[in-house]
Structures are given as structure tokens and as C-alpha cells.
Amino acid sequence: MELLLIHPFREGNGRVARILSVLMGLQAGLPSLYFDNLSGRRQQQYFAAVQAGLDRNYEPMAKLFSAVIERTLQIQGEQ
């Protein structure tokens, strides 16, 4: 969460955060996380979750990542 604030570039913060998330997921034994559902309405929820995280309320981000993990496992099962 804090990475999004300290990353030195105006653009690319989300990409770096997603890459690190994929790496942490792989280290935890998950397949490569699939972030396809973080667009449209979900993107607004993501921004709100980042804002909530600034106040140390990590529940919204935890819910979003749970959805990403569920979607990843669903896609993995379809292949």
C-alpha cells in the first residue's frame, strides 16, 4: 500500500504494485495473479481501497485481493 505513495514516478505505481503482488503470490504457492477484473467499477473500488489503506483500513484492499485470487484460481481451473 505504502509503495504506491513512495514510488518515485508519477506513472507506473500500479504496475509495480501488481508485479510485486504477483511475486508474493508466487512465493505463497499461487499461480500468477490475474488482474483482469480491476477495470471499470472495480478500478474505482481499487482507488477507494488505496485511500482507505492510507488510514490503515486494509479491509477493502483485502477484499479486492481475495476477488483477484478467486478469479485467478477459477481461470487456472478452466485451463
N, C-alpha and C. Protein backbone atom coordinates (compact mmCIF):
# COMPACT_ATOMS: atom_id res chain seq x y z
N MET A 1 0.82 -1.18 0.00
CA MET A 1 0.00 0.00 0.00
C MET A 1 0.87 1.26 0.00
N GLU A 2 1.81 1.31 0.91
CA GLU A 2 2.67 2.48 1.01
C GLU A 2 3.56 2.63 -0.22
N LEU A 3 3.83 1.53 -0.91
CA LEU A 3 4.64 1.60 -2.12
C LEU A 3 4.01 2.56 -3.13
N LEU A 4 2.70 2.56 -3.20
CA LEU A 4 2.03 3.45 -4.15
C LEU A 4 2.32 4.92 -3.85
N LEU A 5 2.63 5.20 -2.61
CA LEU A 5 2.90 6.59 -2.23
C LEU A 5 4.37 6.96 -2.40
N ILE A 6 5.27 6.02 -2.17
CA ILE A 6 6.69 6.35 -2.20
C ILE A 6 7.37 6.09 -3.54
N HIS A 7 6.67 5.38 -4.43
CA HIS A 7 7.24 5.10 -5.74
C HIS A 7 7.61 6.42 -6.40
N PRO A 8 8.82 6.55 -6.94
CA PRO A 8 9.32 7.86 -7.39
C PRO A 8 8.74 8.38 -8.70
N PHE A 9 7.92 7.61 -9.39
CA PHE A 9 7.41 8.03 -10.68
C PHE A 9 5.92 8.34 -10.61
N ARG A 10 5.49 9.31 -11.40
CA ARG A 10 4.08 9.69 -11.42
C ARG A 10 3.23 8.58 -12.01
N GLU A 11 3.73 7.93 -13.02
CA GLU A 11 3.01 6.82 -13.68
C GLU A 11 3.69 5.51 -13.34
N GLY A 12 2.95 4.45 -13.38
CA GLY A 12 3.54 3.12 -13.21
C GLY A 12 3.46 2.57 -11.81
N ASN A 13 2.95 3.32 -10.86
CA ASN A 13 2.88 2.83 -9.49
C ASN A 13 2.03 1.56 -9.39
N GLY A 14 0.89 1.57 -10.04
CA GLY A 14 0.01 0.40 -10.00
C GLY A 14 0.65 -0.82 -10.63
N ARG A 15 1.36 -0.61 -11.73
CA ARG A 15 2.04 -1.74 -12.40
C ARG A 15 3.09 -2.35 -11.48
N VAL A 16 3.86 -1.50 -10.83
CA VAL A 16 4.89 -2.01 -9.92
C VAL A 16 4.24 -2.76 -8.76
N ALA A 17 3.17 -2.22 -8.21
CA ALA A 17 2.46 -2.87 -7.11
C ALA A 17 1.91 -4.22 -7.55
N ARG A 18 1.36 -4.30 -8.77
CA ARG A 18 0.83 -5.58 -9.26
C ARG A 18 1.95 -6.59 -9.48
N ILE A 19 3.08 -6.16 -10.00
CA ILE A 19 4.22 -7.07 -10.20
C ILE A 19 4.67 -7.63 -8.85
N LEU A 20 4.78 -6.77 -7.86
CA LEU A 20 5.17 -7.25 -6.52
C LEU A 20 4.12 -8.19 -5.95
N SER A 21 2.85 -7.91 -6.22
CA SER A 21 1.77 -8.79 -5.75
C SER A 21 1.87 -10.16 -6.40
N VAL A 22 2.15 -10.18 -7.69
CA VAL A 22 2.32 -11.46 -8.39
C VAL A 22 3.49 -12.23 -7.78
N LEU A 23 4.60 -11.53 -7.54
CA LEU A 23 5.77 -12.18 -6.95
C LEU A 23 5.44 -12.77 -5.58
N MET A 24 4.75 -12.01 -4.74
CA MET A 24 4.39 -12.51 -3.41
C MET A 24 3.43 -13.69 -3.51
N GLY A 25 2.51 -13.62 -4.47
CA GLY A 25 1.60 -14.74 -4.69
C GLY A 25 2.34 -16.00 -5.11
N LEU A 26 3.28 -15.84 -6.03
CA LEU A 26 4.08 -16.99 -6.48
C LEU A 26 4.87 -17.59 -5.31
N GLN A 27 5.42 -16.72 -4.47
CA GLN A 27 6.16 -17.21 -3.30
C GLN A 27 5.24 -17.95 -2.34
N ALA A 28 3.95 -17.60 -2.34
CA ALA A 28 2.98 -18.27 -1.46
C ALA A 28 2.38 -19.51 -2.12
N GLY A 29 2.85 -19.84 -3.33
CA GLY A 29 2.37 -21.05 -4.00
C GLY A 29 1.16 -20.84 -4.89
N LEU A 30 0.77 -19.60 -5.13
CA LEU A 30 -0.35 -19.32 -6.02
C LEU A 30 0.15 -19.24 -7.46
N PRO A 31 -0.75 -19.44 -8.42
CA PRO A 31 -0.36 -19.18 -9.81
C PRO A 31 -0.23 -17.66 -10.00
N SER A 32 0.31 -17.25 -11.12
CA SER A 32 0.46 -15.83 -11.42
C SER A 32 -0.92 -15.16 -11.36
N LEU A 33 -1.03 -14.13 -10.53
CA LEU A 33 -2.33 -13.48 -10.31
C LEU A 33 -2.82 -12.81 -11.58
N TYR A 34 -4.12 -12.88 -11.77
CA TYR A 34 -4.77 -12.35 -12.97
C TYR A 34 -5.60 -11.14 -12.55
N PHE A 35 -5.18 -9.96 -12.98
CA PHE A 35 -5.81 -8.71 -12.56
C PHE A 35 -6.82 -8.16 -13.56
N ASP A 36 -7.40 -9.00 -14.39
CA ASP A 36 -8.31 -8.52 -15.43
C ASP A 36 -9.54 -7.83 -14.88
N ASN A 37 -9.95 -8.17 -13.67
CA ASN A 37 -11.19 -7.61 -13.15
C ASN A 37 -10.98 -6.30 -12.38
N LEU A 38 -9.83 -5.67 -12.52
CA LEU A 38 -9.60 -4.38 -11.87
C LEU A 38 -9.75 -3.25 -12.88
N SER A 39 -10.87 -3.25 -13.58
CA SER A 39 -11.17 -2.17 -14.51
C SER A 39 -12.60 -1.71 -14.26
N GLY A 40 -12.94 -0.58 -14.80
CA GLY A 40 -14.29 -0.04 -14.64
C GLY A 40 -14.63 0.22 -13.18
N ARG A 41 -15.73 -0.35 -12.72
CA ARG A 41 -16.19 -0.15 -11.35
C ARG A 41 -15.17 -0.66 -10.35
N ARG A 42 -14.55 -1.78 -10.67
CA ARG A 42 -13.52 -2.34 -9.77
C ARG A 42 -12.33 -1.41 -9.63
N GLN A 43 -12.01 -0.67 -10.68
CA GLN A 43 -10.89 0.25 -10.60
C GLN A 43 -11.20 1.35 -9.58
N GLN A 44 -12.43 1.82 -9.58
CA GLN A 44 -12.83 2.83 -8.59
C GLN A 44 -12.77 2.25 -7.18
N GLN A 45 -13.15 0.98 -7.03
CA GLN A 45 -13.04 0.31 -5.73
C GLN A 45 -11.58 0.19 -5.32
N TYR A 46 -10.70 -0.07 -6.29
CA TYR A 46 -9.27 -0.16 -6.01
C TYR A 46 -8.74 1.17 -5.49
N PHE A 47 -9.10 2.26 -6.17
CA PHE A 47 -8.65 3.59 -5.72
C PHE A 47 -9.18 3.89 -4.32
N ALA A 48 -10.44 3.53 -4.06
CA ALA A 48 -11.02 3.74 -2.73
C ALA A 48 -10.29 2.89 -1.69
N ALA A 49 -9.90 1.67 -2.08
CA ALA A 49 -9.18 0.78 -1.16
C ALA A 49 -7.80 1.35 -0.83
N VAL A 50 -7.14 1.95 -1.83
CA VAL A 50 -5.85 2.60 -1.58
C VAL A 50 -6.04 3.74 -0.59
N GLN A 51 -7.08 4.55 -0.80
CA GLN A 51 -7.37 5.66 0.11
C GLN A 51 -7.64 5.14 1.52
N ALA A 52 -8.42 4.08 1.64
CA ALA A 52 -8.71 3.50 2.96
C ALA A 52 -7.44 3.00 3.62
N GLY A 53 -6.54 2.43 2.82
CA GLY A 53 -5.27 1.94 3.35
C GLY A 53 -4.41 3.04 3.94
N LEU A 54 -4.56 4.24 3.42
CA LEU A 54 -3.81 5.36 3.98
C LEU A 54 -4.21 5.61 5.43
N ASP A 55 -5.44 5.24 5.76
CA ASP A 55 -5.94 5.37 7.14
C ASP A 55 -5.79 4.06 7.90
N ARG A 56 -4.97 3.16 7.36
CA ARG A 56 -4.70 1.85 7.96
C ARG A 56 -5.94 0.95 8.01
N ASN A 57 -6.88 1.18 7.11
CA ASN A 57 -8.04 0.31 6.95
C ASN A 57 -7.76 -0.56 5.73
N TYR A 58 -7.25 -1.76 5.97
CA TYR A 58 -6.82 -2.63 4.88
C TYR A 58 -7.91 -3.59 4.41
N GLU A 59 -9.06 -3.57 5.04
CA GLU A 59 -10.14 -4.48 4.69
C GLU A 59 -10.59 -4.35 3.23
N PRO A 60 -10.81 -3.12 2.71
CA PRO A 60 -11.21 -3.02 1.30
C PRO A 60 -10.18 -3.64 0.33
N MET A 61 -8.89 -3.43 0.60
CA MET A 61 -7.86 -4.00 -0.27
C MET A 61 -7.82 -5.52 -0.12
N ALA A 62 -8.01 -6.01 1.08
CA ALA A 62 -8.05 -7.45 1.31
C ALA A 62 -9.19 -8.08 0.52
N LYS A 63 -10.34 -7.42 0.48
CA LYS A 63 -11.48 -7.94 -0.28
C LYS A 63 -11.17 -7.96 -1.78
N LEU A 64 -10.55 -6.90 -2.27
CA LEU A 64 -10.20 -6.87 -3.69
C LEU A 64 -9.20 -7.96 -4.05
N PHE A 65 -8.20 -8.16 -3.21
CA PHE A 65 -7.22 -9.20 -3.49
C PHE A 65 -7.83 -10.59 -3.36
N SER A 66 -8.77 -10.76 -2.47
CA SER A 66 -9.48 -12.04 -2.39
C SER A 66 -10.19 -12.33 -3.70
N ALA A 67 -10.81 -11.29 -4.27
CA ALA A 67 -11.50 -11.46 -5.55
C ALA A 67 -10.51 -11.77 -6.67
N VAL A 68 -9.34 -11.13 -6.66
CA VAL A 68 -8.31 -11.40 -7.66
C VAL A 68 -7.83 -12.85 -7.54
N ILE A 69 -7.61 -13.30 -6.32
CA ILE A 69 -7.14 -14.68 -6.11
C ILE A 69 -8.21 -15.67 -6.54
N GLU A 70 -9.47 -15.42 -6.18
CA GLU A 70 -10.56 -16.31 -6.61
C GLU A 70 -10.64 -16.39 -8.12
N ARG A 71 -10.56 -15.23 -8.79
CA ARG A 71 -10.63 -15.20 -10.25
C ARG A 71 -9.43 -15.94 -10.86
N THR A 72 -8.26 -15.76 -10.29
CA THR A 72 -7.06 -16.45 -10.78
C THR A 72 -7.24 -17.95 -10.68
N LEU A 73 -7.71 -18.43 -9.54
CA LEU A 73 -7.90 -19.87 -9.34
C LEU A 73 -9.00 -20.41 -10.25
N GLN A 74 -10.03 -19.60 -10.50
CA GLN A 74 -11.10 -20.00 -11.42
C GLN A 74 -10.55 -20.17 -12.84
N ILE A 75 -9.77 -19.22 -13.29
CA ILE A 75 -9.18 -19.28 -14.63
C ILE A 75 -8.22 -20.46 -14.72
N GLN A 76 -7.43 -20.64 -13.67
CA GLN A 76 -6.47 -21.76 -13.64
C GLN A 76 -7.21 -23.08 -13.77
N GLY A 77 -8.37 -23.20 -13.10
CA GLY A 77 -9.13 -24.44 -13.15
C GLY A 77 -9.76 -24.70 -14.51
N GLU A 78 -10.02 -23.63 -15.27
CA GLU A 78 -10.62 -23.75 -16.60
C GLU A 78 -9.62 -24.22 -17.65
N GLN A 79 -8.33 -24.06 -17.36
CA GLN A 79 -7.31 -24.39 -18.36
C GLN A 79 -6.94 -25.83 -18.32
